[in-house]
mmCIF file of all heavy atoms, coordinates in Angstrom:
data_MODEL
# 
_entry.id   MODEL 
# 
loop_
_atom_site.group_PDB 
_atom_site.id 
_atom_site.type_symbol 
_atom_site.label_atom_id 
_atom_site.label_alt_id 
_atom_site.label_comp_id 
_atom_site.label_asym_id 
_atom_site.label_entity_id 
_atom_site.label_seq_id 
_atom_site.pdbx_PDB_ins_code 
_atom_site.Cartn_x 
_atom_site.Cartn_y 
_atom_site.Cartn_z 
_atom_site.occupancy 
_atom_site.B_iso_or_equiv 
_atom_site.pdbx_formal_charge 
_atom_site.auth_seq_id 
_atom_site.auth_comp_id 
_atom_site.auth_asym_id 
_atom_site.auth_atom_id 
_atom_site.pdbx_PDB_model_num 
ATOM 1   N N   . GLN A 1 1  ? 4.989  -31.951 29.559 1.00 0.00 ? 1  GLN A N   1 
ATOM 2   C CA  . GLN A 1 1  ? 4.978  -33.216 30.072 1.00 0.00 ? 1  GLN A CA  1 
ATOM 3   C C   . GLN A 1 1  ? 6.396  -33.619 30.707 1.00 0.00 ? 1  GLN A C   1 
ATOM 4   O O   . GLN A 1 1  ? 6.533  -34.245 31.667 1.00 0.00 ? 1  GLN A O   1 
ATOM 5   C CB  . GLN A 1 1  ? 4.659  -34.260 29.068 1.00 0.00 ? 1  GLN A CB  1 
ATOM 6   C CG  . GLN A 1 1  ? 4.566  -35.689 29.476 1.00 0.00 ? 1  GLN A CG  1 
ATOM 7   C CD  . GLN A 1 1  ? 4.069  -36.673 28.312 1.00 0.00 ? 1  GLN A CD  1 
ATOM 8   O OE1 . GLN A 1 1  ? 3.349  -36.172 27.491 1.00 0.00 ? 1  GLN A OE1 1 
ATOM 9   N NE2 . GLN A 1 1  ? 4.575  -37.887 28.284 1.00 0.00 ? 1  GLN A NE2 1 
ATOM 10  N N   . PHE A 1 2  ? 7.495  -33.034 30.141 1.00 0.00 ? 2  PHE A N   1 
ATOM 11  C CA  . PHE A 1 2  ? 8.768  -33.568 30.527 1.00 0.00 ? 2  PHE A CA  1 
ATOM 12  C C   . PHE A 1 2  ? 9.510  -32.433 31.392 1.00 0.00 ? 2  PHE A C   1 
ATOM 13  O O   . PHE A 1 2  ? 10.650 -32.527 31.583 1.00 0.00 ? 2  PHE A O   1 
ATOM 14  C CB  . PHE A 1 2  ? 9.657  -33.931 29.396 1.00 0.00 ? 2  PHE A CB  1 
ATOM 15  C CG  . PHE A 1 2  ? 8.929  -35.132 28.603 1.00 0.00 ? 2  PHE A CG  1 
ATOM 16  C CD1 . PHE A 1 2  ? 8.758  -34.887 27.250 1.00 0.00 ? 2  PHE A CD1 1 
ATOM 17  C CD2 . PHE A 1 2  ? 8.684  -36.244 29.155 1.00 0.00 ? 2  PHE A CD2 1 
ATOM 18  C CE1 . PHE A 1 2  ? 8.092  -36.025 26.477 1.00 0.00 ? 2  PHE A CE1 1 
ATOM 19  C CE2 . PHE A 1 2  ? 8.031  -37.368 28.540 1.00 0.00 ? 2  PHE A CE2 1 
ATOM 20  C CZ  . PHE A 1 2  ? 7.787  -37.244 27.240 1.00 0.00 ? 2  PHE A CZ  1 
ATOM 21  N N   . GLY A 1 3  ? 8.816  -31.278 31.683 1.00 0.00 ? 3  GLY A N   1 
ATOM 22  C CA  . GLY A 1 3  ? 9.269  -30.343 32.687 1.00 0.00 ? 3  GLY A CA  1 
ATOM 23  C C   . GLY A 1 3  ? 10.313 -29.324 32.083 1.00 0.00 ? 3  GLY A C   1 
ATOM 24  O O   . GLY A 1 3  ? 11.063 -28.828 32.721 1.00 0.00 ? 3  GLY A O   1 
ATOM 25  N N   . PHE A 1 4  ? 10.187 -29.047 30.745 1.00 0.00 ? 4  PHE A N   1 
ATOM 26  C CA  . PHE A 1 4  ? 11.108 -28.147 30.149 1.00 0.00 ? 4  PHE A CA  1 
ATOM 27  C C   . PHE A 1 4  ? 10.508 -26.694 30.084 1.00 0.00 ? 4  PHE A C   1 
ATOM 28  O O   . PHE A 1 4  ? 11.185 -25.736 29.480 1.00 0.00 ? 4  PHE A O   1 
ATOM 29  C CB  . PHE A 1 4  ? 11.462 -28.549 28.746 1.00 0.00 ? 4  PHE A CB  1 
ATOM 30  C CG  . PHE A 1 4  ? 12.352 -29.776 28.673 1.00 0.00 ? 4  PHE A CG  1 
ATOM 31  C CD1 . PHE A 1 4  ? 11.797 -30.970 28.207 1.00 0.00 ? 4  PHE A CD1 1 
ATOM 32  C CD2 . PHE A 1 4  ? 13.657 -29.952 29.368 1.00 0.00 ? 4  PHE A CD2 1 
ATOM 33  C CE1 . PHE A 1 4  ? 12.480 -32.205 28.196 1.00 0.00 ? 4  PHE A CE1 1 
ATOM 34  C CE2 . PHE A 1 4  ? 14.305 -31.141 29.349 1.00 0.00 ? 4  PHE A CE2 1 
ATOM 35  C CZ  . PHE A 1 4  ? 13.814 -32.121 28.691 1.00 0.00 ? 4  PHE A CZ  1 
ATOM 36  N N   . GLU A 1 5  ? 9.270  -26.504 30.523 1.00 0.00 ? 5  GLU A N   1 
ATOM 37  C CA  . GLU A 1 5  ? 8.557  -25.247 30.323 1.00 0.00 ? 5  GLU A CA  1 
ATOM 38  C C   . GLU A 1 5  ? 9.383  -24.065 30.727 1.00 0.00 ? 5  GLU A C   1 
ATOM 39  O O   . GLU A 1 5  ? 9.440  -22.950 30.077 1.00 0.00 ? 5  GLU A O   1 
ATOM 40  C CB  . GLU A 1 5  ? 7.332  -25.340 30.979 1.00 0.00 ? 5  GLU A CB  1 
ATOM 41  C CG  . GLU A 1 5  ? 6.176  -24.556 30.301 1.00 0.00 ? 5  GLU A CG  1 
ATOM 42  C CD  . GLU A 1 5  ? 4.861  -24.829 31.034 1.00 0.00 ? 5  GLU A CD  1 
ATOM 43  O OE1 . GLU A 1 5  ? 4.735  -25.873 31.781 1.00 0.00 ? 5  GLU A OE1 1 
ATOM 44  O OE2 . GLU A 1 5  ? 3.886  -24.074 30.625 1.00 0.00 ? 5  GLU A OE2 1 
ATOM 45  N N   . ASP A 1 6  ? 10.041 -24.128 32.015 1.00 0.00 ? 6  ASP A N   1 
ATOM 46  C CA  . ASP A 1 6  ? 10.873 -23.053 32.456 1.00 0.00 ? 6  ASP A CA  1 
ATOM 47  C C   . ASP A 1 6  ? 12.269 -22.982 31.937 1.00 0.00 ? 6  ASP A C   1 
ATOM 48  O O   . ASP A 1 6  ? 13.053 -22.186 32.409 1.00 0.00 ? 6  ASP A O   1 
ATOM 49  C CB  . ASP A 1 6  ? 10.705 -23.044 34.019 1.00 0.00 ? 6  ASP A CB  1 
ATOM 50  C CG  . ASP A 1 6  ? 9.227  -22.907 34.456 1.00 0.00 ? 6  ASP A CG  1 
ATOM 51  O OD1 . ASP A 1 6  ? 8.552  -22.151 33.694 1.00 0.00 ? 6  ASP A OD1 1 
ATOM 52  O OD2 . ASP A 1 6  ? 9.046  -23.402 35.598 1.00 0.00 ? 6  ASP A OD2 1 
ATOM 53  N N   . LYS A 1 7  ? 12.668 -23.904 31.113 1.00 0.00 ? 7  LYS A N   1 
ATOM 54  C CA  . LYS A 1 7  ? 14.036 -24.017 30.708 1.00 0.00 ? 7  LYS A CA  1 
ATOM 55  C C   . LYS A 1 7  ? 14.213 -23.637 29.194 1.00 0.00 ? 7  LYS A C   1 
ATOM 56  O O   . LYS A 1 7  ? 15.330 -23.675 28.772 1.00 0.00 ? 7  LYS A O   1 
ATOM 57  C CB  . LYS A 1 7  ? 14.573 -25.422 30.959 1.00 0.00 ? 7  LYS A CB  1 
ATOM 58  C CG  . LYS A 1 7  ? 14.461 -26.042 32.360 1.00 0.00 ? 7  LYS A CG  1 
ATOM 59  C CD  . LYS A 1 7  ? 14.790 -27.420 32.536 1.00 0.00 ? 7  LYS A CD  1 
ATOM 60  C CE  . LYS A 1 7  ? 14.844 -27.758 34.070 1.00 0.00 ? 7  LYS A CE  1 
ATOM 61  N NZ  . LYS A 1 7  ? 14.275 -28.937 34.351 1.00 0.00 ? 7  LYS A NZ  1 
ATOM 62  N N   . VAL A 1 8  ? 13.226 -23.101 28.652 1.00 0.00 ? 8  VAL A N   1 
ATOM 63  C CA  . VAL A 1 8  ? 13.384 -22.572 27.275 1.00 0.00 ? 8  VAL A CA  1 
ATOM 64  C C   . VAL A 1 8  ? 12.903 -20.992 27.448 1.00 0.00 ? 8  VAL A C   1 
ATOM 65  O O   . VAL A 1 8  ? 12.353 -20.674 28.292 1.00 0.00 ? 8  VAL A O   1 
ATOM 66  C CB  . VAL A 1 8  ? 12.525 -23.318 26.296 1.00 0.00 ? 8  VAL A CB  1 
ATOM 67  C CG1 . VAL A 1 8  ? 12.910 -24.735 26.130 1.00 0.00 ? 8  VAL A CG1 1 
ATOM 68  C CG2 . VAL A 1 8  ? 10.957 -23.179 26.662 1.00 0.00 ? 8  VAL A CG2 1 
ATOM 69  N N   . SER A 1 9  ? 13.256 -20.233 26.327 1.00 0.00 ? 9  SER A N   1 
ATOM 70  C CA  . SER A 1 9  ? 13.004 -18.811 26.450 1.00 0.00 ? 9  SER A CA  1 
ATOM 71  C C   . SER A 1 9  ? 11.583 -18.418 26.397 1.00 0.00 ? 9  SER A C   1 
ATOM 72  O O   . SER A 1 9  ? 11.066 -17.641 27.232 1.00 0.00 ? 9  SER A O   1 
ATOM 73  C CB  . SER A 1 9  ? 13.807 -18.176 25.327 1.00 0.00 ? 9  SER A CB  1 
ATOM 74  O OG  . SER A 1 9  ? 15.032 -18.484 25.285 1.00 0.00 ? 9  SER A OG  1 
ATOM 75  N N   . TYR A 1 10 ? 10.821 -19.176 25.533 1.00 0.00 ? 10 TYR A N   1 
ATOM 76  C CA  . TYR A 1 10 ? 9.390  -18.911 25.333 1.00 0.00 ? 10 TYR A CA  1 
ATOM 77  C C   . TYR A 1 10 ? 8.610  -20.004 24.915 1.00 0.00 ? 10 TYR A C   1 
ATOM 78  O O   . TYR A 1 10 ? 9.046  -20.609 23.817 1.00 0.00 ? 10 TYR A O   1 
ATOM 79  C CB  . TYR A 1 10 ? 9.226  -17.634 24.519 1.00 0.00 ? 10 TYR A CB  1 
ATOM 80  C CG  . TYR A 1 10 ? 7.749  -17.095 24.542 1.00 0.00 ? 10 TYR A CG  1 
ATOM 81  C CD1 . TYR A 1 10 ? 7.513  -16.340 25.687 1.00 0.00 ? 10 TYR A CD1 1 
ATOM 82  C CD2 . TYR A 1 10 ? 6.783  -17.201 23.537 1.00 0.00 ? 10 TYR A CD2 1 
ATOM 83  C CE1 . TYR A 1 10 ? 6.152  -15.907 25.821 1.00 0.00 ? 10 TYR A CE1 1 
ATOM 84  C CE2 . TYR A 1 10 ? 5.562  -16.658 23.615 1.00 0.00 ? 10 TYR A CE2 1 
ATOM 85  C CZ  . TYR A 1 10 ? 5.257  -16.045 24.811 1.00 0.00 ? 10 TYR A CZ  1 
ATOM 86  O OH  . TYR A 1 10 ? 3.936  -15.547 24.958 1.00 0.00 ? 10 TYR A OH  1 
ATOM 87  N N   . VAL A 1 11 ? 7.415  -20.220 25.455 1.00 0.00 ? 11 VAL A N   1 
ATOM 88  C CA  . VAL A 1 11 ? 6.575  -21.341 24.985 1.00 0.00 ? 11 VAL A CA  1 
ATOM 89  C C   . VAL A 1 11 ? 5.355  -20.572 24.420 1.00 0.00 ? 11 VAL A C   1 
ATOM 90  O O   . VAL A 1 11 ? 4.601  -19.877 25.162 1.00 0.00 ? 11 VAL A O   1 
ATOM 91  C CB  . VAL A 1 11 ? 6.209  -22.409 26.076 1.00 0.00 ? 11 VAL A CB  1 
ATOM 92  C CG1 . VAL A 1 11 ? 5.216  -23.405 25.485 1.00 0.00 ? 11 VAL A CG1 1 
ATOM 93  C CG2 . VAL A 1 11 ? 7.364  -22.924 26.643 1.00 0.00 ? 11 VAL A CG2 1 
ATOM 94  N N   . SER A 1 12 ? 5.071  -20.732 23.139 1.00 0.00 ? 12 SER A N   1 
ATOM 95  C CA  . SER A 1 12 ? 3.993  -20.105 22.596 1.00 0.00 ? 12 SER A CA  1 
ATOM 96  C C   . SER A 1 12 ? 2.575  -20.694 23.041 1.00 0.00 ? 12 SER A C   1 
ATOM 97  O O   . SER A 1 12 ? 2.374  -21.761 23.320 1.00 0.00 ? 12 SER A O   1 
ATOM 98  C CB  . SER A 1 12 ? 3.922  -20.210 21.021 1.00 0.00 ? 12 SER A CB  1 
ATOM 99  O OG  . SER A 1 12 ? 2.863  -19.590 20.390 1.00 0.00 ? 12 SER A OG  1 
ATOM 100 N N   . THR A 1 13 ? 1.548  -19.691 23.138 1.00 0.00 ? 13 THR A N   1 
ATOM 101 C CA  . THR A 1 13 ? 0.281  -20.157 23.660 1.00 0.00 ? 13 THR A CA  1 
ATOM 102 C C   . THR A 1 13 ? -0.664 -20.518 22.483 1.00 0.00 ? 13 THR A C   1 
ATOM 103 O O   . THR A 1 13 ? -1.769 -20.950 22.639 1.00 0.00 ? 13 THR A O   1 
ATOM 104 C CB  . THR A 1 13 ? -0.359 -19.105 24.490 1.00 0.00 ? 13 THR A CB  1 
ATOM 105 O OG1 . THR A 1 13 ? -0.458 -17.856 23.755 1.00 0.00 ? 13 THR A OG1 1 
ATOM 106 C CG2 . THR A 1 13 ? 0.460  -18.843 25.659 1.00 0.00 ? 13 THR A CG2 1 
ATOM 107 N N   . GLY A 1 14 ? -0.296 -20.300 21.248 1.00 0.00 ? 14 GLY A N   1 
ATOM 108 C CA  . GLY A 1 14 ? -1.084 -20.414 20.089 1.00 0.00 ? 14 GLY A CA  1 
ATOM 109 C C   . GLY A 1 14 ? -0.704 -21.426 19.140 1.00 0.00 ? 14 GLY A C   1 
ATOM 110 O O   . GLY A 1 14 ? 0.281  -21.175 18.475 1.00 0.00 ? 14 GLY A O   1 
ATOM 111 N N   . GLY A 1 15 ? -1.301 -22.444 18.947 1.00 0.00 ? 15 GLY A N   1 
ATOM 112 C CA  . GLY A 1 15 ? -0.839 -23.557 17.904 1.00 0.00 ? 15 GLY A CA  1 
ATOM 113 C C   . GLY A 1 15 ? -0.987 -22.970 16.564 1.00 0.00 ? 15 GLY A C   1 
ATOM 114 O O   . GLY A 1 15 ? -0.048 -22.791 15.820 1.00 0.00 ? 15 GLY A O   1 
ATOM 115 N N   . GLY A 1 16 ? -2.328 -22.862 16.049 1.00 0.00 ? 16 GLY A N   1 
ATOM 116 C CA  . GLY A 1 16 ? -2.675 -22.465 14.709 1.00 0.00 ? 16 GLY A CA  1 
ATOM 117 C C   . GLY A 1 16 ? -2.076 -21.086 14.341 1.00 0.00 ? 16 GLY A C   1 
ATOM 118 O O   . GLY A 1 16 ? -1.483 -20.869 13.286 1.00 0.00 ? 16 GLY A O   1 
ATOM 119 N N   . ALA A 1 17 ? -2.165 -20.161 15.290 1.00 0.00 ? 17 ALA A N   1 
ATOM 120 C CA  . ALA A 1 17 ? -1.704 -18.824 15.253 1.00 0.00 ? 17 ALA A CA  1 
ATOM 121 C C   . ALA A 1 17 ? -0.153 -18.859 14.931 1.00 0.00 ? 17 ALA A C   1 
ATOM 122 O O   . ALA A 1 17 ? 0.393  -18.115 14.081 1.00 0.00 ? 17 ALA A O   1 
ATOM 123 C CB  . ALA A 1 17 ? -2.037 -18.020 16.310 1.00 0.00 ? 17 ALA A CB  1 
ATOM 124 N N   . MET A 1 18 ? 0.485  -19.583 15.720 1.00 0.00 ? 18 MET A N   1 
ATOM 125 C CA  . MET A 1 18 ? 1.961  -19.675 15.719 1.00 0.00 ? 18 MET A CA  1 
ATOM 126 C C   . MET A 1 18 ? 2.389  -20.285 14.268 1.00 0.00 ? 18 MET A C   1 
ATOM 127 O O   . MET A 1 18 ? 3.303  -19.730 13.582 1.00 0.00 ? 18 MET A O   1 
ATOM 128 C CB  . MET A 1 18 ? 2.570  -20.537 16.799 1.00 0.00 ? 18 MET A CB  1 
ATOM 129 C CG  . MET A 1 18 ? 3.902  -21.185 16.543 1.00 0.00 ? 18 MET A CG  1 
ATOM 130 S SD  . MET A 1 18 ? 5.139  -20.313 17.493 1.00 0.00 ? 18 MET A SD  1 
ATOM 131 C CE  . MET A 1 18 ? 6.515  -21.298 17.216 1.00 0.00 ? 18 MET A CE  1 
ATOM 132 N N   . LEU A 1 19 ? 1.646  -21.328 13.776 1.00 0.00 ? 19 LEU A N   1 
ATOM 133 C CA  . LEU A 1 19 ? 2.046  -21.840 12.593 1.00 0.00 ? 19 LEU A CA  1 
ATOM 134 C C   . LEU A 1 19 ? 1.786  -20.954 11.440 1.00 0.00 ? 19 LEU A C   1 
ATOM 135 O O   . LEU A 1 19 ? 2.581  -20.857 10.507 1.00 0.00 ? 19 LEU A O   1 
ATOM 136 C CB  . LEU A 1 19 ? 1.219  -23.227 12.368 1.00 0.00 ? 19 LEU A CB  1 
ATOM 137 C CG  . LEU A 1 19 ? 1.420  -24.366 13.337 1.00 0.00 ? 19 LEU A CG  1 
ATOM 138 C CD1 . LEU A 1 19 ? 0.750  -25.551 12.986 1.00 0.00 ? 19 LEU A CD1 1 
ATOM 139 C CD2 . LEU A 1 19 ? 2.972  -24.707 13.464 1.00 0.00 ? 19 LEU A CD2 1 
ATOM 140 N N   . GLU A 1 20 ? 0.781  -20.179 11.443 1.00 0.00 ? 20 GLU A N   1 
ATOM 141 C CA  . GLU A 1 20 ? 0.547  -19.326 10.428 1.00 0.00 ? 20 GLU A CA  1 
ATOM 142 C C   . GLU A 1 20 ? 1.426  -18.131 10.344 1.00 0.00 ? 20 GLU A C   1 
ATOM 143 O O   . GLU A 1 20 ? 1.792  -17.619 9.308  1.00 0.00 ? 20 GLU A O   1 
ATOM 144 C CB  . GLU A 1 20 ? -1.072 -18.752 10.477 1.00 0.00 ? 20 GLU A CB  1 
ATOM 145 C CG  . GLU A 1 20 ? -1.949 -19.860 10.130 1.00 0.00 ? 20 GLU A CG  1 
ATOM 146 C CD  . GLU A 1 20 ? -3.397 -19.374 9.861  1.00 0.00 ? 20 GLU A CD  1 
ATOM 147 O OE1 . GLU A 1 20 ? -3.456 -18.159 9.586  1.00 0.00 ? 20 GLU A OE1 1 
ATOM 148 O OE2 . GLU A 1 20 ? -4.398 -20.057 9.863  1.00 0.00 ? 20 GLU A OE2 1 
ATOM 149 N N   . SER A 1 21 ? 1.964  -17.758 11.541 1.00 0.00 ? 21 SER A N   1 
ATOM 150 C CA  . SER A 1 21 ? 2.970  -16.784 11.668 1.00 0.00 ? 21 SER A CA  1 
ATOM 151 C C   . SER A 1 21 ? 4.228  -17.160 11.021 1.00 0.00 ? 21 SER A C   1 
ATOM 152 O O   . SER A 1 21 ? 4.994  -16.497 10.201 1.00 0.00 ? 21 SER A O   1 
ATOM 153 C CB  . SER A 1 21 ? 3.239  -16.281 13.101 1.00 0.00 ? 21 SER A CB  1 
ATOM 154 O OG  . SER A 1 21 ? 2.216  -15.826 13.676 1.00 0.00 ? 21 SER A OG  1 
ATOM 155 N N   . LEU A 1 22 ? 4.564  -18.536 11.237 1.00 0.00 ? 22 LEU A N   1 
ATOM 156 C CA  . LEU A 1 22 ? 5.836  -19.080 10.631 1.00 0.00 ? 22 LEU A CA  1 
ATOM 157 C C   . LEU A 1 22 ? 5.762  -19.243 9.099  1.00 0.00 ? 22 LEU A C   1 
ATOM 158 O O   . LEU A 1 22 ? 6.657  -19.250 8.524  1.00 0.00 ? 22 LEU A O   1 
ATOM 159 C CB  . LEU A 1 22 ? 6.175  -20.356 11.349 1.00 0.00 ? 22 LEU A CB  1 
ATOM 160 C CG  . LEU A 1 22 ? 6.461  -20.301 12.765 1.00 0.00 ? 22 LEU A CG  1 
ATOM 161 C CD1 . LEU A 1 22 ? 6.710  -21.662 13.379 1.00 0.00 ? 22 LEU A CD1 1 
ATOM 162 C CD2 . LEU A 1 22 ? 7.708  -19.570 12.967 1.00 0.00 ? 22 LEU A CD2 1 
ATOM 163 N N   . GLU A 1 23 ? 4.360  -19.404 8.711  1.00 0.00 ? 23 GLU A N   1 
ATOM 164 C CA  . GLU A 1 23 ? 4.179  -19.490 7.275  1.00 0.00 ? 23 GLU A CA  1 
ATOM 165 C C   . GLU A 1 23 ? 4.359  -18.083 6.586  1.00 0.00 ? 23 GLU A C   1 
ATOM 166 O O   . GLU A 1 23 ? 4.219  -18.082 5.310  1.00 0.00 ? 23 GLU A O   1 
ATOM 167 C CB  . GLU A 1 23 ? 2.721  -20.083 7.018  1.00 0.00 ? 23 GLU A CB  1 
ATOM 168 C CG  . GLU A 1 23 ? 2.758  -21.510 7.331  1.00 0.00 ? 23 GLU A CG  1 
ATOM 169 C CD  . GLU A 1 23 ? 1.319  -22.107 7.318  1.00 0.00 ? 23 GLU A CD  1 
ATOM 170 O OE1 . GLU A 1 23 ? 0.335  -21.291 6.957  1.00 0.00 ? 23 GLU A OE1 1 
ATOM 171 O OE2 . GLU A 1 23 ? 1.030  -23.291 7.530  1.00 0.00 ? 23 GLU A OE2 1 
ATOM 172 N N   . GLY A 1 24 ? 4.636  -17.011 7.383  1.00 0.00 ? 24 GLY A N   1 
ATOM 173 C CA  . GLY A 1 24 ? 4.610  -15.670 6.712  1.00 0.00 ? 24 GLY A CA  1 
ATOM 174 C C   . GLY A 1 24 ? 3.241  -15.013 6.637  1.00 0.00 ? 24 GLY A C   1 
ATOM 175 O O   . GLY A 1 24 ? 3.275  -13.969 6.082  1.00 0.00 ? 24 GLY A O   1 
ATOM 176 N N   . LYS A 1 25 ? 2.179  -15.588 7.171  1.00 0.00 ? 25 LYS A N   1 
ATOM 177 C CA  . LYS A 1 25 ? 0.940  -14.843 7.033  1.00 0.00 ? 25 LYS A CA  1 
ATOM 178 C C   . LYS A 1 25 ? 0.817  -13.778 8.047  1.00 0.00 ? 25 LYS A C   1 
ATOM 179 O O   . LYS A 1 25 ? 1.272  -13.869 9.198  1.00 0.00 ? 25 LYS A O   1 
ATOM 180 C CB  . LYS A 1 25 ? -0.248 -15.943 7.294  1.00 0.00 ? 25 LYS A CB  1 
ATOM 181 C CG  . LYS A 1 25 ? -0.235 -16.965 6.162  1.00 0.00 ? 25 LYS A CG  1 
ATOM 182 C CD  . LYS A 1 25 ? -1.363 -18.026 6.507  1.00 0.00 ? 25 LYS A CD  1 
ATOM 183 C CE  . LYS A 1 25 ? -1.407 -19.084 5.467  1.00 0.00 ? 25 LYS A CE  1 
ATOM 184 N NZ  . LYS A 1 25 ? -2.313 -20.146 5.791  1.00 0.00 ? 25 LYS A NZ  1 
ATOM 185 N N   . THR A 1 26 ? -0.076 -12.643 7.647  1.00 0.00 ? 26 THR A N   1 
ATOM 186 C CA  . THR A 1 26 ? -0.331 -11.576 8.659  1.00 0.00 ? 26 THR A CA  1 
ATOM 187 C C   . THR A 1 26 ? -1.678 -12.080 9.243  1.00 0.00 ? 26 THR A C   1 
ATOM 188 O O   . THR A 1 26 ? -2.589 -12.421 8.611  1.00 0.00 ? 26 THR A O   1 
ATOM 189 C CB  . THR A 1 26 ? -0.531 -10.261 7.858  1.00 0.00 ? 26 THR A CB  1 
ATOM 190 O OG1 . THR A 1 26 ? 0.752  -9.939  7.239  1.00 0.00 ? 26 THR A OG1 1 
ATOM 191 C CG2 . THR A 1 26 ? -0.916 -9.152  8.968  1.00 0.00 ? 26 THR A CG2 1 
# 
């Protein structure tokens, strides 16, 4: 929305998958 997409290193495409990865789940 605020135009930062190309100004960060990586924007993850998966909401739930990303959260479970951060929780340490395989």
